Amino acid sequence: MPVPRYTIILASLLLALIGSSCSLLPTRVTGQNLPPILTQDELIRPYVKLGKIQITREVYGIIDPEIKPDISEWGYTAVRTEAEKMGADAVILPEVSGATATYLVIPTTEYRASGVTIKFK
């Protein structure tokens, strides 16, 4: 008994979907190989400042599904990720803050993370 044509098409689509789904997953584990955040005491080698990074995130409403309760962890990871894109060796002078304001009846929270990226000589 021959196999219906739609069964072959569905099977090939399923195999294509399964084979390509692995390529859609991120390959880097978060927090791995990111430049470290250093204090002024840890800077023992000469360096050059590459620039200042500032990330701002606004959230409208009460709940932000992407940020865990630890805002500083979000900020440090965001700054380190951007520093990696710049090719920096480290981040110094990190700052993470959050402020909430209410417009009419909707609360708005603004998170800011910043730091200075450096490259060692």
PDB file of N, CA and C in Angstrom:
ATOM      1  N   MET A   1       0.846  -1.169   0.000  1.00  0.00           N
ATOM      2  CA  MET A   1       0.000   0.000   0.000  1.00  0.00           C
ATOM      3  C   MET A   1       0.900   1.245   0.000  1.00  0.00           C
ATOM      4  N   PRO A   2       0.710   2.152  -0.948  1.00  0.00           N
ATOM      5  CA  PRO A   2       1.562   3.337  -1.016  1.00  0.00           C
ATOM      6  C   PRO A   2       1.256   4.308   0.131  1.00  0.00           C
ATOM      7  N   VAL A   3       2.307   5.042   0.514  1.00  0.00           N
ATOM      8  CA  VAL A   3       2.185   6.029   1.587  1.00  0.00           C
ATOM      9  C   VAL A   3       1.590   7.305   0.989  1.00  0.00           C
ATOM     10  N   PRO A   4       0.583   7.890   1.658  1.00  0.00           N
ATOM     11  CA  PRO A   4      -0.013   9.120   1.130  1.00  0.00           C
ATOM     12  C   PRO A   4       1.030  10.242   1.048  1.00  0.00           C
ATOM     13  N   ARG A   5       0.864  11.087   0.073  1.00  0.00           N
ATOM     14  CA  ARG A   5       1.812  12.175  -0.194  1.00  0.00           C
ATOM     15  C   ARG A   5       1.893  13.149   0.981  1.00  0.00           C
ATOM     16  N   TYR A   6       0.764  13.466   1.616  1.00  0.00           N
ATOM     17  CA  TYR A   6       0.782  14.423   2.727  1.00  0.00           C
ATOM     18  C   TYR A   6       1.553  13.877   3.918  1.00  0.00           C
ATOM     19  N   THR A   7       1.605  12.561   4.093  1.00  0.00           N
ATOM     20  CA  THR A   7       2.370  11.966   5.186  1.00  0.00           C
ATOM     21  C   THR A   7       3.863  12.179   4.957  1.00  0.00           C
ATOM     22  N   ILE A   8       4.310  12.041   3.734  1.00  0.00           N
ATOM     23  CA  ILE A   8       5.719  12.263   3.406  1.00  0.00           C
ATOM     24  C   ILE A   8       6.081  13.732   3.605  1.00  0.00           C
ATOM     25  N   ILE A   9       5.200  14.620   3.192  1.00  0.00           N
ATOM     26  CA  ILE A   9       5.454  16.053   3.353  1.00  0.00           C
ATOM     27  C   ILE A   9       5.524  16.424   4.830  1.00  0.00           C
ATOM     28  N   LEU A  10       4.580  15.921   5.624  1.00  0.00           N
ATOM     29  CA  LEU A  10       4.587  16.209   7.064  1.00  0.00           C
ATOM     30  C   LEU A  10       5.831  15.638   7.741  1.00  0.00           C
ATOM     31  N   ALA A  11       6.233  14.446   7.362  1.00  0.00           N
ATOM     32  CA  ALA A  11       7.420  13.831   7.956  1.00  0.00           C
ATOM     33  C   ALA A  11       8.674  14.624   7.609  1.00  0.00           C
ATOM     34  N   SER A  12       8.783  15.080   6.366  1.00  0.00           N
ATOM     35  CA  SER A  12       9.965  15.855   5.985  1.00  0.00           C
ATOM     36  C   SER A  12       9.978  17.232   6.660  1.00  0.00           C
ATOM     37  N   LEU A  13       8.821  17.850   6.823  1.00  0.00           N
ATOM     38  CA  LEU A  13       8.756  19.120   7.544  1.00  0.00           C
ATOM     39  C   LEU A  13       9.137  18.942   9.006  1.00  0.00           C
ATOM     40  N   LEU A  14       8.687  17.849   9.606  1.00  0.00           N
ATOM     41  CA  LEU A  14       9.026  17.570  10.995  1.00  0.00           C
ATOM     42  C   LEU A  14      10.531  17.357  11.155  1.00  0.00           C
ATOM     43  N   LEU A  15      11.136  16.606  10.249  1.00  0.00           N
ATOM     44  CA  LEU A  15      12.587  16.396  10.313  1.00  0.00           C
ATOM     45  C   LEU A  15      13.356  17.695  10.110  1.00  0.00           C
ATOM     46  N   ALA A  16      12.891  18.530   9.188  1.00  0.00           N
ATOM     47  CA  ALA A  16      13.544  19.822   8.971  1.00  0.00           C
ATOM     48  C   ALA A  16      13.437  20.707  10.206  1.00  0.00           C
ATOM     49  N   LEU A  17      12.283  20.692  10.856  1.00  0.00           N
ATOM     50  CA  LEU A  17      12.079  21.491  12.062  1.00  0.00           C
ATOM     51  C   LEU A  17      12.965  21.006  13.195  1.00  0.00           C
ATOM     52  N   ILE A  18      13.049  19.707  13.373  1.00  0.00           N
ATOM     53  CA  ILE A  18      13.890  19.147  14.436  1.00  0.00           C
ATOM     54  C   ILE A  18      15.361  19.431  14.168  1.00  0.00           C
ATOM     55  N   GLY A  19      15.791  19.311  12.930  1.00  0.00           N
ATOM     56  CA  GLY A  19      17.194  19.551  12.575  1.00  0.00           C
ATOM     57  C   GLY A  19      17.606  21.001  12.703  1.00  0.00           C
ATOM     58  N   SER A  20      16.703  21.930  12.431  1.00  0.00           N
ATOM     59  CA  SER A  20      17.063  23.350  12.488  1.00  0.00           C
ATOM     60  C   SER A  20      16.828  23.966  13.853  1.00  0.00           C
ATOM     61  N   SER A  21      16.108  23.298  14.722  1.00  0.00           N
ATOM     62  CA  SER A  21      15.793  23.897  16.018  1.00  0.00           C
ATOM     63  C   SER A  21      17.028  24.056  16.887  1.00  0.00           C
ATOM     64  N   CYS A  22      18.019  23.203  16.739  1.00  0.00           N
ATOM     65  CA  CYS A  22      19.242  23.322  17.538  1.00  0.00           C
ATOM     66  C   CYS A  22      20.022  24.584  17.168  1.00  0.00           C
ATOM     67  N   SER A  23      19.923  25.016  15.934  1.00  0.00           N
ATOM     68  CA  SER A  23      20.653  26.208  15.538  1.00  0.00           C
ATOM     69  C   SER A  23      20.007  27.482  16.072  1.00  0.00           C
ATOM     70  N   LEU A  24      18.784  27.394  16.554  1.00  0.00           N
ATOM     71  CA  LEU A  24      18.102  28.563  17.095  1.00  0.00           C
ATOM     72  C   LEU A  24      18.455  28.817  18.555  1.00  0.00           C
ATOM     73  N   LEU A  25      19.077  27.864  19.212  1.00  0.00           N
ATOM     74  CA  LEU A  25      19.430  28.013  20.618  1.00  0.00           C
ATOM     75  C   LEU A  25      20.716  28.817  20.751  1.00  0.00           C
ATOM     76  N   PRO A  26      20.827  29.639  21.811  1.00  0.00           N
ATOM     77  CA  PRO A  26      22.076  30.384  22.009  1.00  0.00           C
ATOM     78  C   PRO A  26      23.217  29.423  22.320  1.00  0.00           C
ATOM     79  N   THR A  27      24.401  29.739  21.810  1.00  0.00           N
ATOM     80  CA  THR A  27      25.539  28.842  21.995  1.00  0.00           C
ATOM     81  C   THR A  27      26.359  29.203  23.231  1.00  0.00           C
ATOM     82  N   ARG A  28      26.294  30.440  23.698  1.00  0.00           N
ATOM     83  CA  ARG A  28      27.088  30.858  24.848  1.00  0.00           C
ATOM     84  C   ARG A  28      26.238  30.811  26.105  1.00  0.00           C
ATOM     85  N   VAL A  29      26.807  30.267  27.145  1.00  0.00           N
ATOM     86  CA  VAL A  29      26.148  30.258  28.431  1.00  0.00           C
ATOM     87  C   VAL A  29      26.310  31.636  29.055  1.00  0.00           C
ATOM     88  N   THR A  30      25.241  32.193  29.625  1.00  0.00           N
ATOM     89  CA  THR A  30      25.292  33.531  30.196  1.00  0.00           C
ATOM     90  C   THR A  30      26.335  33.599  31.309  1.00  0.00           C
ATOM     91  N   GLY A  31      27.157  34.618  31.262  1.00  0.00           N
ATOM     92  CA  GLY A  31      28.155  34.826  32.298  1.00  0.00           C
ATOM     93  C   GLY A  31      29.490  34.166  32.024  1.00  0.00           C
ATOM     94  N   GLN A  32      29.599  33.451  30.911  1.00  0.00           N
ATOM     95  CA  GLN A  32      30.840  32.763  30.608  1.00  0.00           C
ATOM     96  C   GLN A  32      31.675  33.606  29.648  1.00  0.00           C
ATOM     97  N   ASN A  33      32.940  33.790  29.968  1.00  0.00           N
ATOM     98  CA  ASN A  33      33.894  34.546  29.153  1.00  0.00           C
ATOM     99  C   ASN A  33      33.550  36.028  29.036  1.00  0.00           C
ATOM    100  N   LEU A  34      32.801  36.568  29.950  1.00  0.00           N
ATOM    101  CA  LEU A  34      32.519  37.998  29.952  1.00  0.00           C
ATOM    102  C   LEU A  34      33.647  38.716  30.680  1.00  0.00           C
ATOM    103  N   PRO A  35      33.954  39.962  30.290  1.00  0.00           N
ATOM    104  CA  PRO A  35      34.996  40.715  31.003  1.00  0.00           C
ATOM    105  C   PRO A  35      34.621  40.901  32.474  1.00  0.00           C
ATOM    106  N   PRO A  36      35.583  40.826  33.374  1.00  0.00           N
ATOM    107  CA  PRO A  36      35.274  40.982  34.796  1.00  0.00           C
ATOM    108  C   PRO A  36      35.037  42.441  35.173  1.00  0.00           C
ATOM    109  N   ILE A  37      34.396  42.625  36.297  1.00  0.00           N
ATOM    110  CA  ILE A  37      34.255  43.957  36.883  1.00  0.00           C
ATOM    111  C   ILE A  37      35.345  44.081  37.943  1.00  0.00           C
ATOM    112  N   LEU A  38      36.202  45.079  37.778  1.00  0.00           N
ATOM    113  CA  LEU A  38      37.341  45.250  38.675  1.00  0.00           C
ATOM    114  C   LEU A  38      37.188  46.510  39.515  1.00  0.00           C
ATOM    115  N   THR A  39      37.686  46.445  40.747  1.00  0.00           N
ATOM    116  CA  THR A  39      37.737  47.622  41.604  1.00  0.00           C
ATOM    117  C   THR A  39      39.032  48.373  41.315  1.00  0.00           C
ATOM    118  N   GLN A  40      39.145  49.582  41.829  1.00  0.00           N
ATOM    119  CA  GLN A  40      40.350  50.384  41.602  1.00  0.00           C
ATOM    120  C   GLN A  40      41.582  49.717  42.210  1.00  0.00           C
ATOM    121  N   ASP A  41      41.413  48.979  43.289  1.00  0.00           N
ATOM    122  CA  ASP A  41      42.536  48.291  43.928  1.00  0.00           C
ATOM    123  C   ASP A  41      43.068  47.141  43.078  1.00  0.00           C
ATOM    124  N   GLU A  42      42.227  46.577  42.233  1.00  0.00           N
ATOM    125  CA  GLU A  42      42.634  45.440  41.413  1.00  0.00           C
ATOM    126  C   GLU A  42      43.350  45.848  40.123  1.00  0.00           C
ATOM    127  N   LEU A  43      43.370  47.132  39.821  1.00  0.00           N
ATOM    128  CA  LEU A  43      44.019  47.620  38.603  1.00  0.00           C
ATOM    129  C   LEU A  43      45.505  47.798  38.856  1.00  0.00           C
ATOM    130  N   ILE A  44      46.297  46.804  38.490  1.00  0.00           N
ATOM    131  CA  ILE A  44      47.732  46.877  38.713  1.00  0.00           C
ATOM    132  C   ILE A  44      48.500  47.053  37.406  1.00  0.00           C
ATOM    133  N   ARG A  45      47.832  46.888  36.281  1.00  0.00           N
ATOM    134  CA  ARG A  45      48.472  47.068  34.973  1.00  0.00           C
ATOM    135  C   ARG A  45      47.960  48.349  34.329  1.00  0.00           C
ATOM    136  N   PRO A  46      48.766  48.972  33.470  1.00  0.00           N
ATOM    137  CA  PRO A  46      48.283  50.158  32.760  1.00  0.00           C
ATOM    138  C   PRO A  46      47.160  49.785  31.788  1.00  0.00           C
ATOM    139  N   TYR A  47      46.240  50.722  31.596  1.00  0.00           N
ATOM    140  CA  TYR A  47      45.092  50.454  30.737  1.00  0.00           C
ATOM    141  C   TYR A  47      44.691  51.710  29.990  1.00  0.00           C
ATOM    142  N   VAL A  48      43.849  51.501  28.992  1.00  0.00           N
ATOM    143  CA  VAL A  48      43.281  52.583  28.198  1.00  0.00           C
ATOM    144  C   VAL A  48      41.770  52.490  28.320  1.00  0.00           C
ATOM    145  N   LYS A  49      41.107  53.632  28.539  1.00  0.00           N
ATOM    146  CA  LYS A  49      39.647  53.635  28.608  1.00  0.00           C
ATOM    147  C   LYS A  49      39.081  53.575  27.197  1.00  0.00           C
ATOM    148  N   LEU A  50      38.185  52.618  26.978  1.00  0.00           N
ATOM    149  CA  LEU A  50      37.527  52.502  25.674  1.00  0.00           C
ATOM    150  C   LEU A  50      36.288  53.377  25.595  1.00  0.00           C
ATOM    151  N   GLY A  51      35.556  53.475  26.681  1.00  0.00           N
ATOM    152  CA  GLY A  51      34.348  54.291  26.686  1.00  0.00           C
ATOM    153  C   GLY A  51      33.461  53.939  27.856  1.00  0.00           C
ATOM    154  N   LYS A  52      32.374  54.678  27.970  1.00  0.00           N
ATOM    155  CA  LYS A  52      31.405  54.444  29.031  1.00  0.00           C
ATOM    156  C   LYS A  52      30.182  53.767  28.437  1.00  0.00           C
ATOM    157  N   ILE A  53      29.699  52.750  29.130  1.00  0.00           N
ATOM    158  CA  ILE A  53      28.505  52.024  28.712  1.00  0.00           C
ATOM    159  C   ILE A  53      27.372  52.429  29.642  1.00  0.00           C
ATOM    160  N   GLN A  54      26.211  52.689  29.072  1.00  0.00           N
ATOM    161  CA  GLN A  54      25.023  52.947  29.878  1.00  0.00           C
ATOM    162  C   GLN A  54      23.842  52.222  29.251  1.00  0.00           C
ATOM    163  N   ILE A  55      23.197  51.388  30.034  1.00  0.00           N
ATOM    164  CA  ILE A  55      22.034  50.630  29.588  1.00  0.00           C
ATOM    165  C   ILE A  55      20.842  51.086  30.404  1.00  0.00           C
ATOM    166  N   THR A  56      19.766  51.406  29.727  1.00  0.00           N
ATOM    167  CA  THR A  56      18.539  51.848  30.398  1.00  0.00           C
ATOM    168  C   THR A  56      17.408  50.914  30.003  1.00  0.00           C
ATOM    169  N   ARG A  57      16.601  50.540  30.975  1.00  0.00           N
ATOM    170  CA  ARG A  57      15.450  49.680  30.727  1.00  0.00           C
ATOM    171  C   ARG A  57      14.264  50.267  31.465  1.00  0.00           C
ATOM    172  N   GLU A  58      13.174  50.520  30.723  1.00  0.00           N
ATOM    173  CA  GLU A  58      11.950  51.034  31.335  1.00  0.00           C
ATOM    174  C   GLU A  58      10.906  49.935  31.371  1.00  0.00           C
ATOM    175  N   VAL A  59      10.228  49.842  32.499  1.00  0.00           N
ATOM    176  CA  VAL A  59       9.191  48.830  32.686  1.00  0.00           C
ATOM    177  C   VAL A  59       7.912  49.542  33.081  1.00  0.00           C
ATOM    178  N   TYR A  60       6.861  49.273  32.351  1.00  0.00           N
ATOM    179  CA  TYR A  60       5.554  49.858  32.647  1.00  0.00           C
ATOM    180  C   TYR A  60       4.700  48.809  33.327  1.00  0.00           C
ATOM    181  N   GLY A  61       4.211  49.119  34.489  1.00  0.00           N
ATOM    182  CA  GLY A  61       3.409  48.171  35.250  1.00  0.00           C
ATOM    183  C   GLY A  61       4.148  47.731  36.498  1.00  0.00           C
ATOM    184  N   ILE A  62       3.586  46.755  37.153  1.00  0.00           N
ATOM    185  CA  ILE A  62       4.128  46.309  38.433  1.00  0.00           C
ATOM    186  C   ILE A  62       5.196  45.235  38.270  1.00  0.00           C
ATOM    187  N   ILE A  63       5.008  44.321  37.330  1.00  0.00           N
ATOM    188  CA  ILE A  63       5.877  43.151  37.225  1.00  0.00           C
ATOM    189  C   ILE A  63       6.730  43.233  35.958  1.00  0.00           C
ATOM    190  N   ASP A  64       8.029  42.966  36.126  1.00  0.00           N
ATOM    191  CA  ASP A  64       8.938  42.855  34.990  1.00  0.00           C
ATOM    192  C   ASP A  64       9.363  41.392  34.895  1.00  0.00           C
ATOM    193  N   PRO A  65       8.904  40.681  33.881  1.00  0.00           N
ATOM    194  CA  PRO A  65       9.197  39.243  33.813  1.00  0.00           C
ATOM    195  C   PRO A  65      10.648  38.919  33.495  1.00  0.00           C
ATOM    196  N   GLU A  66      11.422  39.873  32.973  1.00  0.00           N
ATOM    197  CA  GLU A  66      12.789  39.570  32.575  1.00  0.00           C
ATOM    198  C   GLU A  66      13.816  39.858  33.653  1.00  0.00           C
ATOM    199  N   ILE A  67      13.496  40.691  34.609  1.00  0.00           N
ATOM    200  CA  ILE A  67      14.472  41.036  35.646  1.00  0.00           C
ATOM    201  C   ILE A  67      14.102  40.322  36.930  1.00  0.00           C
ATOM    202  N   LYS A  68      15.082  39.619  37.466  1.00  0.00           N
ATOM    203  CA  LYS A  68      14.888  38.938  38.738  1.00  0.00           C
ATOM    204  C   LYS A  68      14.883  39.991  39.842  1.00  0.00           C
ATOM    205  N   PRO A  69      14.535  39.602  41.056  1.00  0.00           N
ATOM    206  CA  PRO A  69      14.552  40.588  42.146  1.00  0.00           C
ATOM    207  C   PRO A  69      15.916  41.244  42.376  1.00  0.00           C
ATOM    208  N   ASP A  70      16.997  40.576  41.985  1.00  0.00           N
ATOM    209  CA  ASP A  70      18.328  41.147  42.167  1.00  0.00           C
ATOM    210  C   ASP A  70      18.659  42.037  40.964  1.00  0.00           C
ATOM    211  N   ILE A  71      18.419  43.321  41.090  1.00  0.00           N
ATOM    212  CA  ILE A  71      18.632  44.268  39.997  1.00  0.00           C
ATOM    213  C   ILE A  71      20.116  44.440  39.712  1.00  0.00           C
ATOM    214  N   SER A  72      20.952  44.381  40.743  1.00  0.00           N
ATOM    215  CA  SER A  72      22.386  44.565  40.515  1.00  0.00           C
ATOM    216  C   SER A  72      22.955  43.437  39.650  1.00  0.00           C
ATOM    217  N   GLU A  73      22.467  42.230  39.806  1.00  0.00           N
ATOM    218  CA  GLU A  73      22.920  41.122  38.966  1.00  0.00           C
ATOM    219  C   GLU A  73      22.571  41.393  37.499  1.00  0.00           C
ATOM    220  N   TRP A  74      21.354  41.875  37.255  1.00  0.00           N
ATOM    221  CA  TRP A  74      20.952  42.230  35.891  1.00  0.00           C
ATOM    222  C   TRP A  74      21.878  43.307  35.337  1.00  0.00           C
ATOM    223  N   GLY A  75      22.143  44.346  36.122  1.00  0.00           N
ATOM    224  CA  GLY A  75      22.961  45.459  35.661  1.00  0.00           C
ATOM    225  C   GLY A  75      24.391  45.060  35.346  1.00  0.00           C
ATOM    226  N   TYR A  76      25.007  44.288  36.235  1.00  0.00           N
ATOM    227  CA  TYR A  76      26.384  43.864  36.015  1.00  0.00           C
ATOM    228  C   TYR A  76      26.489  42.966  34.782  1.00  0.00           C
ATOM    229  N   THR A  77      25.540  42.064  34.617  1.00  0.00           N
ATOM    230  CA  THR A  77      25.561  41.183  33.451  1.00  0.00           C
ATOM    231  C   THR A  77      25.351  41.974  32.161  1.00  0.00           C
ATOM    232  N   ALA A  78      24.460  42.949  32.188  1.00  0.00           N
ATOM    233  CA  ALA A  78      24.206  43.766  30.993  1.00  0.00           C
ATOM    234  C   ALA A  78      25.438  44.575  30.611  1.00  0.00           C
ATOM    235  N   VAL A  79      26.109  45.171  31.592  1.00  0.00           N
ATOM    236  CA  VAL A  79      27.307  45.968  31.317  1.00  0.00           C
ATOM    237  C   VAL A  79      28.432  45.071  30.803  1.00  0.00           C
ATOM    238  N   ARG A  80      28.609  43.919  31.410  1.00  0.00           N
ATOM    239  CA  ARG A  80      29.661  43.000  30.980  1.00  0.00           C
ATOM    240  C   ARG A  80      29.405  42.469  29.569  1.00  0.00           C
ATOM    241  N   THR A  81      28.148  42.228  29.232  1.00  0.00           N
ATOM    242  CA  THR A  81      27.807  41.750  27.889  1.00  0.00           C
ATOM    243  C   THR A  81      28.122  42.805  26.842  1.00  0.00           C
ATOM    244  N   GLU A  82      27.785  44.056  27.118  1.00  0.00           N
ATOM    245  CA  GLU A  82      28.099  45.141  26.180  1.00  0.00           C
ATOM    246  C   GLU A  82      29.603  45.369  26.081  1.00  0.00           C
ATOM    247  N   ALA A  83      30.319  45.210  27.192  1.00  0.00           N
ATOM    248  CA  ALA A  83      31.775  45.373  27.182  1.00  0.00           C
ATOM    249  C   ALA A  83      32.429  44.297  26.318  1.00  0.00           C
ATOM    250  N   GLU A  84      31.880  43.112  26.355  1.00  0.00           N
ATOM    251  CA  GLU A  84      32.410  42.037  25.519  1.00  0.00           C
ATOM    252  C   GLU A  84      32.249  42.381  24.037  1.00  0.00           C
ATOM    253  N   LYS A  85      31.134  42.985  23.679  1.00  0.00           N
ATOM    254  CA  LYS A  85      30.900  43.383  22.289  1.00  0.00           C
ATOM    255  C   LYS A  85      31.909  44.430  21.833  1.00  0.00           C
ATOM    256  N   MET A  86      32.386  45.254  22.761  1.00  0.00           N
ATOM    257  CA  MET A  86      33.362  46.291  22.438  1.00  0.00           C
ATOM    258  C   MET A  86      34.793  45.752  22.403  1.00  0.00           C
ATOM    259  N   GLY A  87      34.998  44.537  22.875  1.00  0.00           N
ATOM    260  CA  GLY A  87      36.337  43.975  22.932  1.00  0.00           C
ATOM    261  C   GLY A  87      37.117  44.412  24.150  1.00  0.00           C
ATOM    262  N   ALA A  88      36.429  44.783  25.211  1.00  0.00           N
ATOM    263  CA  ALA A  88      37.079  45.259  26.440  1.00  0.00           C
ATOM    264  C   ALA A  88      37.652  44.092  27.234  1.00  0.00           C
ATOM    265  N   ASP A  89      38.693  44.389  28.006  1.00  0.00           N
ATOM    266  CA  ASP A  89      39.288  43.395  28.886  1.00  0.00           C
ATOM    267  C   ASP A  89      38.620  43.380  30.259  1.00  0.00           C
ATOM    268  N   ALA A  90      38.053  44.516  30.669  1.00  0.00           N
ATOM    269  CA  ALA A  90      37.418  44.604  31.993  1.00  0.00           C
ATOM    270  C   ALA A  90      36.491  45.814  32.037  1.00  0.00           C
ATOM    271  N   VAL A  91      35.714  45.882  33.116  1.00  0.00           N
ATOM    272  CA  VAL A  91      34.816  47.010  33.379  1.00  0.00           C
ATOM    273  C   VAL A  91      35.173  47.571  34.750  1.00  0.00           C
ATOM    274  N   ILE A  92      35.264  48.891  34.845  1.00  0.00           N
ATOM    275  CA  ILE A  92      35.521  49.538  36.125  1.00  0.00           C
ATOM    276  C   ILE A  92      34.399  50.531  36.415  1.00  0.00           C
ATOM    277  N   LEU A  93      34.307  50.945  37.654  1.00  0.00           N
ATOM    278  CA  LEU A  93      33.324  51.929  38.118  1.00  0.00           C
ATOM    279  C   LEU A  93      31.877  51.570  37.731  1.00  0.00           C
ATOM    280  N   PRO A  94      31.419  50.358  38.077  1.00  0.00           N
ATOM    281  CA  PRO A  94      30.045  49.992  37.737  1.00  0.00           C
ATOM    282  C   PRO A  94      29.038  50.689  38.643  1.00  0.00           C
ATOM    283  N   GLU A  95      27.899  51.042  38.085  1.00  0.00           N
ATOM    284  CA  GLU A  95      26.798  51.635  38.849  1.00  0.00           C
ATOM    285  C   GLU A  95      25.491  51.027  38.359  1.00  0.00           C
ATOM    286  N   VAL A  96      24.639  50.625  39.297  1.00  0.00           N
ATOM    287  CA  VAL A  96      23.322  50.086  38.967  1.00  0.00           C
ATOM    288  C   VAL A  96      22.313  50.790  39.847  1.00  0.00           C
ATOM    289  N   SER A  97      21.234  51.297  39.226  1.00  0.00           N
ATOM    290  CA  SER A  97      20.205  52.001  40.011  1.00  0.00           C
ATOM    291  C   SER A  97      18.838  51.741  39.397  1.00  0.00           C
ATOM    292  N   GLY A  98      17.842  52.026  40.186  1.00  0.00           N
ATOM    293  CA  GLY A  98      16.466  51.896  39.730  1.00  0.00           C
ATOM    294  C   GLY A  98      15.612  52.957  40.403  1.00  0.00           C
ATOM    295  N   ALA A  99      14.683  53.508  39.648  1.00  0.00           N
ATOM    296  CA  ALA A  99      13.791  54.530  40.191  1.00  0.00           C
ATOM    297  C   ALA A  99      12.380  54.265  39.691  1.00  0.00           C
ATOM    298  N   THR A 100      11.405  54.469  40.557  1.00  0.00           N
ATOM    299  CA  THR A 100      10.009  54.239  40.203  1.00  0.00           C
ATOM    300  C   THR A 100       9.238  55.545  40.272  1.00  0.00           C
ATOM    301  N   ALA A 101       8.421  55.756  39.275  1.00  0.00           N
ATOM    302  CA  ALA A 101       7.530  56.922  39.242  1.00  0.00           C
ATOM    303  C   ALA A 101       6.151  56.436  38.816  1.00  0.00           C
ATOM    304  N   THR A 102       5.120  57.189  39.157  1.00  0.00           N
ATOM    305  CA  THR A 102       3.757  56.816  38.792  1.00  0.00           C
ATOM    306  C   THR A 102       3.161  57.896  37.903  1.00  0.00           C
ATOM    307  N   TYR A 103       2.721  57.487  36.715  1.00  0.00           N
ATOM    308  CA  TYR A 103       2.033  58.375  35.787  1.00  0.00           C
ATOM    309  C   TYR A 103       0.573  57.977  35.781  1.00  0.00           C
ATOM    310  N   LEU A 104      -0.264  58.892  36.254  1.00  0.00           N
ATOM    311  CA  LEU A 104      -1.691  58.627  36.469  1.00  0.00           C
ATOM    312  C   LEU A 104      -1.824  57.461  37.436  1.00  0.00           C
ATOM    313  N   VAL A 105      -2.109  56.272  36.964  1.00  0.00           N
ATOM    314  CA  VAL A 105      -2.234  55.124  37.871  1.00  0.00           C
ATOM    315  C   VAL A 105      -1.257  54.005  37.516  1.00  0.00           C
ATOM    316  N   ILE A 106      -0.441  54.199  36.497  1.00  0.00           N
ATOM    317  CA  ILE A 106       0.471  53.152  36.042  1.00  0.00           C
ATOM    318  C   ILE A 106       1.880  53.432  36.568  1.00  0.00           C
ATOM    319  N   PRO A 107       2.435  52.537  37.386  1.00  0.00           N
ATOM    320  CA  PRO A 107       3.806  52.730  37.859  1.00  0.00           C
ATOM    321  C   PRO A 107       4.804  52.428  36.742  1.00  0.00           C
ATOM    322  N   THR A 108       5.860  53.216  36.686  1.00  0.00           N
ATOM    323  CA  THR A 108       6.922  53.036  35.703  1.00  0.00           C
ATOM    324  C   THR A 108       8.244  52.944  36.452  1.00  0.00           C
ATOM    325  N   THR A 109       9.018  51.917  36.146  1.00  0.00           N
ATOM    326  CA  THR A 109      10.319  51.744  36.776  1.00  0.00           C
ATOM    327  C   THR A 109      11.391  51.846  35.704  1.00  0.00           C
ATOM    328  N   GLU A 110      12.429  52.609  36.004  1.00  0.00           N
ATOM    329  CA  GLU A 110      13.550  52.749  35.085  1.00  0.00           C
ATOM    330  C   GLU A 110      14.800  52.208  35.758  1.00  0.00           C
ATOM    331  N   TYR A 111      15.409  51.220  35.128  1.00  0.00           N
ATOM    332  CA  TYR A 111      16.646  50.641  35.618  1.00  0.00           C
ATOM    333  C   TYR A 111      17.795  51.180  34.770  1.00  0.00           C
ATOM    334  N   ARG A 112      18.908  51.524  35.422  1.00  0.00           N
ATOM    335  CA  ARG A 112      20.094  52.009  34.715  1.00  0.00           C
ATOM    336  C   ARG A 112      21.311  51.249  35.208  1.00  0.00           C
ATOM    337  N   ALA A 113      22.137  50.858  34.261  1.00  0.00           N
ATOM    338  CA  ALA A 113      23.407  50.228  34.583  1.00  0.00           C
ATOM    339  C   ALA A 113      24.474  50.905  33.739  1.00  0.00           C
ATOM    340  N   SER A 114      25.598  51.213  34.355  1.00  0.00           N
ATOM    341  CA  SER A 114      26.669  51.873  33.619  1.00  0.00           C
ATOM    342  C   SER A 114      28.019  51.394  34.140  1.00  0.00           C
ATOM    343  N   GLY A 115      29.034  51.620  33.336  1.00  0.00           N
ATOM    344  CA  GLY A 115      30.389  51.264  33.707  1.00  0.00           C
ATOM    345  C   GLY A 115      31.350  51.786  32.652  1.00  0.00           C
ATOM    346  N   VAL A 116      32.626  51.801  32.981  1.00  0.00           N
ATOM    347  CA  VAL A 116      33.658  52.257  32.065  1.00  0.00           C
ATOM    348  C   VAL A 116      34.417  51.024  31.593  1.00  0.00           C
ATOM    349  N   THR A 117      34.529  50.883  30.263  1.00  0.00           N
ATOM    350  CA  THR A 117      35.252  49.738  29.713  1.00  0.00           C
ATOM    351  C   THR A 117      36.721  50.106  29.505  1.00  0.00           C
ATOM    352  N   ILE A 118      37.582  49.119  29.778  1.00  0.00           N
ATOM    353  CA  ILE A 118      39.020  49.350  29.637  1.00  0.00           C
ATOM    354  C   ILE A 118      39.673  48.224  28.860  1.00  0.00           C
ATOM    355  N   LYS A 119      40.811  48.538  28.281  1.00  0.00           N
ATOM    356  CA  LYS A 119      41.647  47.553  27.582  1.00  0.00           C
ATOM    357  C   LYS A 119      43.046  47.691  28.159  1.00  0.00           C
ATOM    358  N   PHE A 120      43.635  46.575  28.566  1.00  0.00           N
ATOM    359  CA  PHE A 120      44.979  46.607  29.129  1.00  0.00           C
ATOM    360  C   PHE A 120      46.019  46.808  28.037  1.00  0.00           C
ATOM    361  N   LYS A 121      47.074  47.549  28.378  1.00  0.00           N
ATOM    362  CA  LYS A 121      48.162  47.811  27.417  1.00  0.00           C
ATOM    363  C   LYS A 121      49.069  46.625  27.313  1.00  0.00           C
TER     364      LYS A 121
END
